[in-house]
């Protein structure tokens, strides 16, 4: 790992492609929320205003993260993981919000923001696994800490992030040079963990209802989401002279924002959005191939897994192919914690680009 003097822009600084992608994804979110808002007011209760504020904060976080060397981040991984676990444990003593314990309400200290620790855990867990696998640390300890973190998210309850973390743990182990036997242990451990929670009654009625509603085909949100997506057709309502009727979809600016995007921009617009993400992942794989360090390779591979899994889980949810998960679409869904955590990922990717003096 090479520590280099950083310039914000230019061949020795920010990867302009990464920065432009970051701006583009945020702008798409702003435009989608702009269409959904009938009255545009610059206050914290307006969804578009909130998203713009979060995006600008995210831009600051992107550049702030870039100024930390990979070596310094490497040294901070264990303390950051410990802080994340403490924050997750602390959620057990908070008042439920919408029936779950996922957020810290910072409005009590004058900050109109809900902090979701699990959004940042996914980054720290990737870094922890990358450090463990690249330095050949004890696999039992690595797996135990990873599963314990996952369990703390699962009992919030947060099925979507639990699936995301479980997929990330398995796929990072799978990509490593660890024997198939160890990878099989990871799979079995994840399955056993689920059934242990189910048997002990730790699977909340909230989660059971979501699964039951899905298999009975009675989930109202997913029914409305499919109707909204199908009404968009090939080109979408936004560019159509004769727009279709409005479809009510609960939490459409957060979990189901893709249904809003698809209704307005149709199949072609949705395809373009996914292609943009595909090319972003492709560029990150080029950075992986250019790096000579296993830690960086595992880290960037983990970030690809996290972001792509979020997109896939969100799409499967809004299409009604899996039970409701509450998974946000990266840089599209309304949400401060989601935007800030994704900004950190973009910043870390940019830092690896800088330290390896990669020309892409």
Protein backbone atom coordinates (compact mmCIF):
# COMPACT_ATOMS: atom_id res chain seq x y z
CA UNK A 1 0.00 0.00 0.00
CA UNK A 2 1.46 3.33 -1.07
CA UNK A 3 0.68 6.50 0.84
CA UNK A 4 0.43 9.34 -1.67
CA UNK A 5 -0.16 13.06 -1.47
CA UNK A 6 -3.79 13.55 -2.48
CA UNK A 7 -5.23 16.12 -4.82
CA UNK A 8 -9.02 16.33 -4.95
CA UNK A 9 -9.17 16.16 -8.74
CA UNK A 10 -6.78 15.14 -11.49
CA UNK A 11 -4.71 12.09 -12.46
CA UNK A 12 -3.17 11.77 -8.98
CA UNK A 13 -6.42 12.34 -7.13
CA UNK A 14 -10.08 11.50 -7.44
CA UNK A 15 -11.15 8.99 -10.03
CA UNK A 16 -13.43 11.25 -12.07
CA UNK A 17 -15.49 8.28 -13.24
CA UNK A 18 -16.30 7.32 -9.63
CA UNK A 19 -17.14 10.93 -8.75
CA UNK A 20 -19.34 11.42 -11.82
CA UNK A 21 -21.16 8.15 -11.09
CA UNK A 22 -21.73 9.29 -7.52
CA UNK A 23 -23.21 12.59 -8.72
CA UNK A 24 -25.30 10.87 -11.39
CA UNK A 25 -26.88 8.35 -9.03
CA UNK A 26 -27.74 11.12 -6.58
CA UNK A 27 -29.21 13.30 -9.33
CA UNK A 28 -31.41 10.40 -10.48
CA UNK A 29 -32.70 10.11 -6.91
CA UNK A 30 -33.37 13.87 -6.71
CA UNK A 31 -35.27 13.86 -10.00
CA UNK A 32 -37.34 10.84 -8.97
CA UNK A 33 -38.28 12.50 -5.67
CA UNK A 34 -38.92 15.80 -7.46
CA UNK A 35 -41.59 14.07 -9.57
CA UNK A 36 -43.15 12.58 -6.43
CA UNK A 37 -43.35 15.96 -4.65
CA UNK A 38 -46.26 18.22 -5.49
CA UNK A 39 -44.92 21.09 -3.39
CA UNK A 40 -41.20 21.81 -3.26
CA UNK A 41 -40.28 23.42 0.02
CA UNK A 42 -36.79 23.70 1.43
CA UNK A 43 -37.32 22.27 4.88
CA UNK A 44 -36.42 19.05 6.65
CA UNK A 45 -39.95 17.63 6.30
CA UNK A 46 -39.75 17.71 2.49
CA UNK A 47 -38.37 14.45 1.06
CA UNK A 48 -36.49 16.11 -1.81
CA UNK A 49 -34.89 18.69 0.50
CA UNK A 50 -33.83 15.97 2.91
CA UNK A 51 -32.33 13.89 0.11
CA UNK A 52 -30.36 16.85 -1.27
CA UNK A 53 -29.01 17.59 2.21
CA UNK A 54 -28.05 13.93 2.69
CA UNK A 55 -26.39 13.85 -0.74
CA UNK A 56 -24.32 16.97 -0.02
CA UNK A 57 -23.28 15.50 3.32
CA UNK A 58 -22.47 12.30 1.45
CA UNK A 59 -20.22 14.23 -0.93
CA UNK A 60 -18.33 15.62 2.06
CA UNK A 61 -18.06 12.12 3.53
CA UNK A 62 -16.76 10.84 0.16
CA UNK A 63 -13.84 13.30 0.14
CA UNK A 64 -13.28 12.96 3.91
CA UNK A 65 -12.95 9.17 3.57
CA UNK A 66 -10.55 9.61 0.65
CA UNK A 67 -8.09 11.45 2.91
CA UNK A 68 -7.61 8.38 5.14
CA UNK A 69 -4.85 6.05 3.98
CA UNK A 70 -5.69 2.36 3.61
CA UNK A 71 -3.01 1.66 6.21
CA UNK A 72 -4.67 3.90 8.81
CA UNK A 73 -8.09 2.40 8.04
CA UNK A 74 -6.57 -1.08 8.44
CA UNK A 75 -5.45 -0.18 11.98
CA UNK A 76 -8.90 1.18 12.89
CA UNK A 77 -10.91 -1.88 11.81
CA UNK A 78 -11.07 -3.68 15.18
CA UNK A 79 -11.97 -0.54 17.21
CA UNK A 80 -14.63 0.39 14.63
CA UNK A 81 -16.08 -3.11 14.78
CA UNK A 82 -16.22 -2.95 18.57
CA UNK A 83 -18.03 0.42 18.40
CA UNK A 84 -20.51 -0.98 15.86
CA UNK A 85 -21.32 -3.95 18.07
CA UNK A 86 -21.82 -1.66 21.08
CA UNK A 87 -24.17 0.55 19.04
CA UNK A 88 -26.17 -2.51 17.97
CA UNK A 89 -26.38 -3.69 21.59
CA UNK A 90 -27.48 -0.20 22.62
CA UNK A 91 -30.47 -0.40 20.28
CA UNK A 92 -32.00 -2.99 22.61
CA UNK A 93 -32.52 -0.17 25.16
CA UNK A 94 -34.14 2.30 22.74
CA UNK A 95 -37.84 2.87 22.12
CA UNK A 96 -39.15 1.00 19.05
CA UNK A 97 -39.75 3.08 15.91
CA UNK A 98 -42.45 1.61 13.65
CA UNK A 99 -42.30 -1.55 15.73
CA UNK A 100 -38.56 -2.20 15.32
CA UNK A 101 -35.31 -1.14 16.98
CA UNK A 102 -33.06 -0.15 14.07
CA UNK A 103 -32.43 3.57 14.60
CA UNK A 104 -31.16 6.07 17.12
CA UNK A 105 -33.42 9.13 17.10
CA UNK A 106 -30.95 12.02 17.16
CA UNK A 107 -33.73 14.62 17.23
CA UNK A 108 -33.54 14.32 21.01
CA UNK A 109 -30.19 16.12 20.82
CA UNK A 110 -31.35 18.63 18.21
CA UNK A 111 -30.30 16.74 15.07
CA UNK A 112 -33.25 15.83 12.76
CA UNK A 113 -31.72 12.51 11.76
CA UNK A 114 -32.21 8.79 12.44
CA UNK A 115 -28.91 6.90 12.72
CA UNK A 116 -29.04 3.27 11.57
CA UNK A 117 -25.90 1.44 12.84
CA UNK A 118 -26.46 -1.62 10.62
CA UNK A 119 -25.87 0.55 7.53
CA UNK A 120 -22.30 1.16 8.68
CA UNK A 121 -21.80 -2.36 10.03
CA UNK A 122 -21.91 -3.77 6.49
CA UNK A 123 -18.85 -1.65 5.61
CA UNK A 124 -16.94 -2.52 8.77
CA UNK A 125 -17.79 -6.21 8.40
CA UNK A 126 -16.36 -6.22 4.86
CA UNK A 127 -13.17 -4.56 6.16
CA UNK A 128 -12.98 -7.03 9.07
CA UNK A 129 -13.36 -10.05 6.78
CA UNK A 130 -10.83 -8.61 4.33
CA UNK A 131 -8.33 -8.10 7.15
CA UNK A 132 -8.91 -11.57 8.60
CA UNK A 133 -8.66 -13.42 5.30
CA UNK A 134 -5.67 -11.45 3.99
CA UNK A 135 -3.69 -11.95 7.21
CA UNK A 136 -4.73 -15.59 7.81
CA UNK A 137 -6.31 -14.87 11.19
CA UNK A 138 -8.14 -17.61 13.12
CA UNK A 139 -11.15 -18.59 11.00
CA UNK A 140 -13.25 -19.68 13.98
CA UNK A 141 -12.91 -16.25 15.61
CA UNK A 142 -13.60 -14.52 12.27
CA UNK A 143 -16.74 -16.56 11.67
CA UNK A 144 -17.95 -16.22 15.28
CA UNK A 145 -17.61 -12.42 15.29
CA UNK A 146 -19.30 -12.17 11.88
CA UNK A 147 -22.27 -14.33 12.90
CA UNK A 148 -22.63 -12.50 16.22
CA UNK A 149 -22.85 -9.19 14.34
CA UNK A 150 -25.42 -10.67 11.98
CA UNK A 151 -27.49 -11.97 14.93
CA UNK A 152 -27.61 -8.50 16.52
CA UNK A 153 -29.05 -7.11 13.27
CA UNK A 154 -31.51 -9.98 12.88
CA UNK A 155 -33.12 -9.43 16.30
CA UNK A 156 -33.86 -5.72 15.64
CA UNK A 157 -35.65 -7.18 13.55
CA UNK A 158 -34.07 -6.43 10.15
CA UNK A 159 -34.52 -9.31 7.73
CA UNK A 160 -33.17 -7.46 4.69
CA UNK A 161 -29.85 -6.40 6.22
CA UNK A 162 -29.51 -9.86 7.78
CA UNK A 163 -29.81 -11.46 4.35
CA UNK A 164 -27.33 -8.91 3.01
CA UNK A 165 -24.78 -9.59 5.74
CA UNK A 166 -25.23 -13.36 5.45
CA UNK A 167 -24.71 -13.21 1.68
CA UNK A 168 -21.65 -11.00 2.13
CA UNK A 169 -20.05 -13.35 4.67
CA UNK A 170 -20.64 -16.41 2.49
CA UNK A 171 -19.50 -14.84 -0.80
CA UNK A 172 -16.32 -13.32 0.65
CA UNK A 173 -15.40 -16.73 2.10
CA UNK A 174 -16.26 -18.29 -1.26
CA UNK A 175 -14.01 -15.86 -3.16
CA UNK A 176 -11.10 -16.54 -0.83
CA UNK A 177 -8.74 -19.50 -1.10
CA UNK A 178 -10.31 -21.16 1.90
CA UNK A 179 -11.22 -24.82 1.46
CA UNK A 180 -14.72 -25.78 0.37
CA UNK A 181 -15.20 -27.50 3.72
CA UNK A 182 -14.87 -24.20 5.57
CA UNK A 183 -17.23 -22.45 3.14
CA UNK A 184 -19.76 -25.25 3.71
CA UNK A 185 -19.48 -24.63 7.47
CA UNK A 186 -20.38 -20.97 6.84
CA UNK A 187 -23.53 -21.98 4.92
CA UNK A 188 -24.60 -24.52 7.56
CA UNK A 189 -23.92 -22.00 10.35
CA UNK A 190 -26.13 -19.38 8.68
CA UNK A 191 -28.96 -21.88 8.20
CA UNK A 192 -28.68 -23.21 11.77
CA UNK A 193 -28.64 -19.67 13.14
CA UNK A 194 -31.97 -18.94 11.43
CA UNK A 195 -33.64 -22.11 12.77
CA UNK A 196 -32.25 -21.52 16.27
CA UNK A 197 -33.88 -18.08 16.31
CA UNK A 198 -37.10 -19.62 14.98
CA UNK A 199 -37.12 -22.42 17.57
CA UNK A 200 -36.35 -20.10 20.49
CA UNK A 201 -39.11 -17.74 19.46
CA UNK A 202 -36.62 -14.98 18.68
CA UNK A 203 -38.10 -14.55 15.22
CA UNK A 204 -40.54 -11.71 15.85
CA UNK A 205 -44.18 -11.75 14.84
CA UNK A 206 -43.32 -8.75 12.65
CA UNK A 207 -41.03 -10.96 10.53
CA UNK A 208 -43.34 -13.97 10.61
CA UNK A 209 -46.23 -11.83 9.29
CA UNK A 210 -44.09 -10.57 6.40
CA UNK A 211 -43.15 -14.11 5.39
CA UNK A 212 -46.74 -15.36 5.82
CA UNK A 213 -48.18 -12.46 3.79
CA UNK A 214 -45.68 -13.15 1.02
CA UNK A 215 -46.52 -16.85 0.65
CA UNK A 216 -50.24 -16.13 0.88
CA UNK A 217 -49.90 -13.52 -1.88
CA UNK A 218 -51.66 -10.97 0.30
CA UNK A 219 -48.95 -8.38 0.83
CA UNK A 220 -50.57 -5.08 -0.15
CA UNK A 221 -47.31 -3.16 -0.65
CA UNK A 222 -45.90 -5.68 -3.11
CA UNK A 223 -49.19 -5.92 -5.00
CA UNK A 224 -49.26 -2.16 -5.43
CA UNK A 225 -45.57 -2.08 -6.32
CA UNK A 226 -46.03 -4.55 -9.18
CA UNK A 227 -49.02 -2.55 -10.41
CA UNK A 228 -46.98 0.66 -10.32
CA UNK A 229 -44.07 -0.90 -12.24
CA UNK A 230 -46.30 -2.44 -14.90
CA UNK A 231 -48.15 0.85 -15.43
CA UNK A 232 -44.86 2.44 -16.53
CA UNK A 233 -44.71 0.33 -19.68
CA UNK A 234 -41.74 0.67 -22.02
CA UNK A 235 -41.05 4.42 -21.80
CA UNK A 236 -42.75 5.43 -18.53
CA UNK A 237 -45.36 8.01 -17.56
CA UNK A 238 -43.07 11.01 -17.32
CA UNK A 239 -42.51 11.28 -21.09
CA UNK A 240 -46.03 10.17 -21.99
CA UNK A 241 -48.74 12.60 -23.08
CA UNK A 242 -51.44 10.37 -21.65
CA UNK A 243 -50.09 9.33 -18.28
CA UNK A 244 -51.57 6.37 -16.46
CA UNK A 245 -53.44 6.64 -13.18
CA UNK A 246 -51.51 7.12 -9.97
CA UNK A 247 -50.86 3.99 -7.93
CA UNK A 248 -50.56 4.24 -4.16
CA UNK A 249 -47.53 2.33 -2.87
CA UNK A 250 -46.65 2.51 0.85
CA UNK A 251 -43.15 3.82 1.72
CA UNK A 252 -42.59 4.54 -1.98
CA UNK A 253 -39.78 7.03 -1.39
CA UNK A 254 -37.72 4.51 0.62
CA UNK A 255 -38.09 0.73 0.26
CA UNK A 256 -40.24 0.89 -2.89
CA UNK A 257 -38.67 3.84 -4.69
CA UNK A 258 -37.75 1.64 -7.67
CA UNK A 259 -41.47 1.17 -8.37
CA UNK A 260 -41.80 4.98 -8.53
CA UNK A 261 -38.77 5.22 -10.81
CA UNK A 262 -40.06 2.43 -13.10
CA UNK A 263 -43.51 4.00 -13.32
CA UNK A 264 -42.07 7.33 -14.47
CA UNK A 265 -39.24 6.10 -16.71
CA UNK A 266 -40.48 2.68 -17.76
CA UNK A 267 -38.56 -0.45 -18.66
CA UNK A 268 -35.94 1.43 -20.70
CA UNK A 269 -35.21 3.88 -17.89
CA UNK A 270 -34.89 1.02 -15.40
CA UNK A 271 -32.57 -0.82 -17.78
CA UNK A 272 -30.35 2.26 -18.17
CA UNK A 273 -30.11 2.66 -14.37
CA UNK A 274 -29.03 -0.97 -13.95
CA UNK A 275 -26.52 -0.66 -16.82
CA UNK A 276 -24.96 2.36 -15.09
CA UNK A 277 -24.47 0.26 -11.97
CA UNK A 278 -23.06 -2.61 -14.06
CA UNK A 279 -20.41 -0.35 -15.58
CA UNK A 280 -19.55 1.01 -12.13
CA UNK A 281 -18.96 -2.54 -10.85
CA UNK A 282 -16.92 -3.28 -13.97
CA UNK A 283 -14.65 -0.30 -13.29
CA UNK A 284 -14.16 -1.45 -9.69
CA UNK A 285 -13.11 -4.91 -10.94
CA UNK A 286 -10.42 -3.17 -13.02
CA UNK A 287 -9.12 -1.54 -9.83
CA UNK A 288 -9.14 -4.98 -8.13
CA UNK A 289 -7.06 -6.46 -10.94
CA UNK A 290 -4.58 -3.57 -10.72
CA UNK A 291 -4.03 -3.88 -6.96
CA UNK A 292 -1.24 -6.07 -5.59
CA UNK A 293 -2.63 -6.40 -2.06
CA UNK A 294 -5.04 -9.08 -0.88
CA UNK A 295 -6.64 -6.76 1.69
CA UNK A 296 -7.59 -4.28 -1.03
CA UNK A 297 -8.83 -7.04 -3.32
CA UNK A 298 -11.05 -8.55 -0.61
CA UNK A 299 -12.29 -5.10 0.44
CA UNK A 300 -13.31 -4.00 -3.06
CA UNK A 301 -14.82 -7.42 -3.83
CA UNK A 302 -16.82 -7.13 -0.60
CA UNK A 303 -18.10 -3.69 -1.58
CA UNK A 304 -19.22 -5.01 -4.97
CA UNK A 305 -21.05 -7.81 -3.16
CA UNK A 306 -22.71 -5.41 -0.69
CA UNK A 307 -23.92 -2.91 -3.31
CA UNK A 308 -25.01 -5.50 -5.88
CA UNK A 309 -26.76 -7.60 -3.22
CA UNK A 310 -28.64 -4.48 -2.01
CA UNK A 311 -29.84 -3.80 -5.54
CA UNK A 312 -30.84 -7.43 -6.16
CA UNK A 313 -32.65 -7.80 -2.82
CA UNK A 314 -34.47 -4.48 -3.32
CA UNK A 315 -35.56 -5.45 -6.85
CA UNK A 316 -36.73 -8.91 -5.76
CA UNK A 317 -38.73 -7.26 -2.98
CA UNK A 318 -40.47 -4.63 -5.10
CA UNK A 319 -41.24 -7.28 -7.72
CA UNK A 320 -42.79 -9.49 -5.03
CA UNK A 321 -40.37 -12.39 -5.56
CA UNK A 322 -39.20 -12.49 -1.92
CA UNK A 323 -40.81 -11.34 1.37
CA UNK A 324 -40.54 -7.68 2.40
CA UNK A 325 -37.03 -6.90 3.57
CA UNK A 326 -36.86 -3.13 4.05
CA UNK A 327 -33.71 -3.00 1.91
CA UNK A 328 -32.89 0.40 0.39
CA UNK A 329 -31.78 0.86 -3.21
CA UNK A 330 -28.28 2.43 -3.00
CA UNK A 331 -28.24 6.20 -3.69
CA UNK A 332 -31.84 6.05 -4.96
CA UNK A 333 -33.91 5.45 -1.81
CA UNK A 334 -34.54 8.28 0.61
CA UNK A 335 -32.42 7.79 3.71
CA UNK A 336 -29.50 9.52 5.38
CA UNK A 337 -27.71 6.48 6.84
CA UNK A 338 -27.92 4.62 3.53
CA UNK A 339 -26.49 7.55 1.55
CA UNK A 340 -23.68 8.20 4.05
CA UNK A 341 -22.66 4.53 4.21
CA UNK A 342 -22.64 4.27 0.40
CA UNK A 343 -20.59 7.49 0.26
CA UNK A 344 -17.99 5.87 2.52
CA UNK A 345 -17.83 2.88 0.15
CA UNK A 346 -17.29 5.17 -2.85
CA UNK A 347 -14.63 7.08 -0.89
CA UNK A 348 -12.74 3.91 0.06
CA UNK A 349 -12.83 2.69 -3.54
CA UNK A 350 -11.43 6.04 -4.63
CA UNK A 351 -8.67 5.80 -1.99
CA UNK A 352 -7.54 2.41 -3.34
CA UNK A 353 -7.47 3.96 -6.82
CA UNK A 354 -5.25 6.78 -5.56
CA UNK A 355 -2.82 4.64 -3.55
CA UNK A 356 -2.17 2.30 -6.44
CA UNK A 357 -1.72 5.18 -8.93
CA UNK A 358 -4.13 3.43 -11.27
CA UNK A 359 -4.85 4.91 -14.68
CA UNK A 360 -8.35 3.86 -15.77
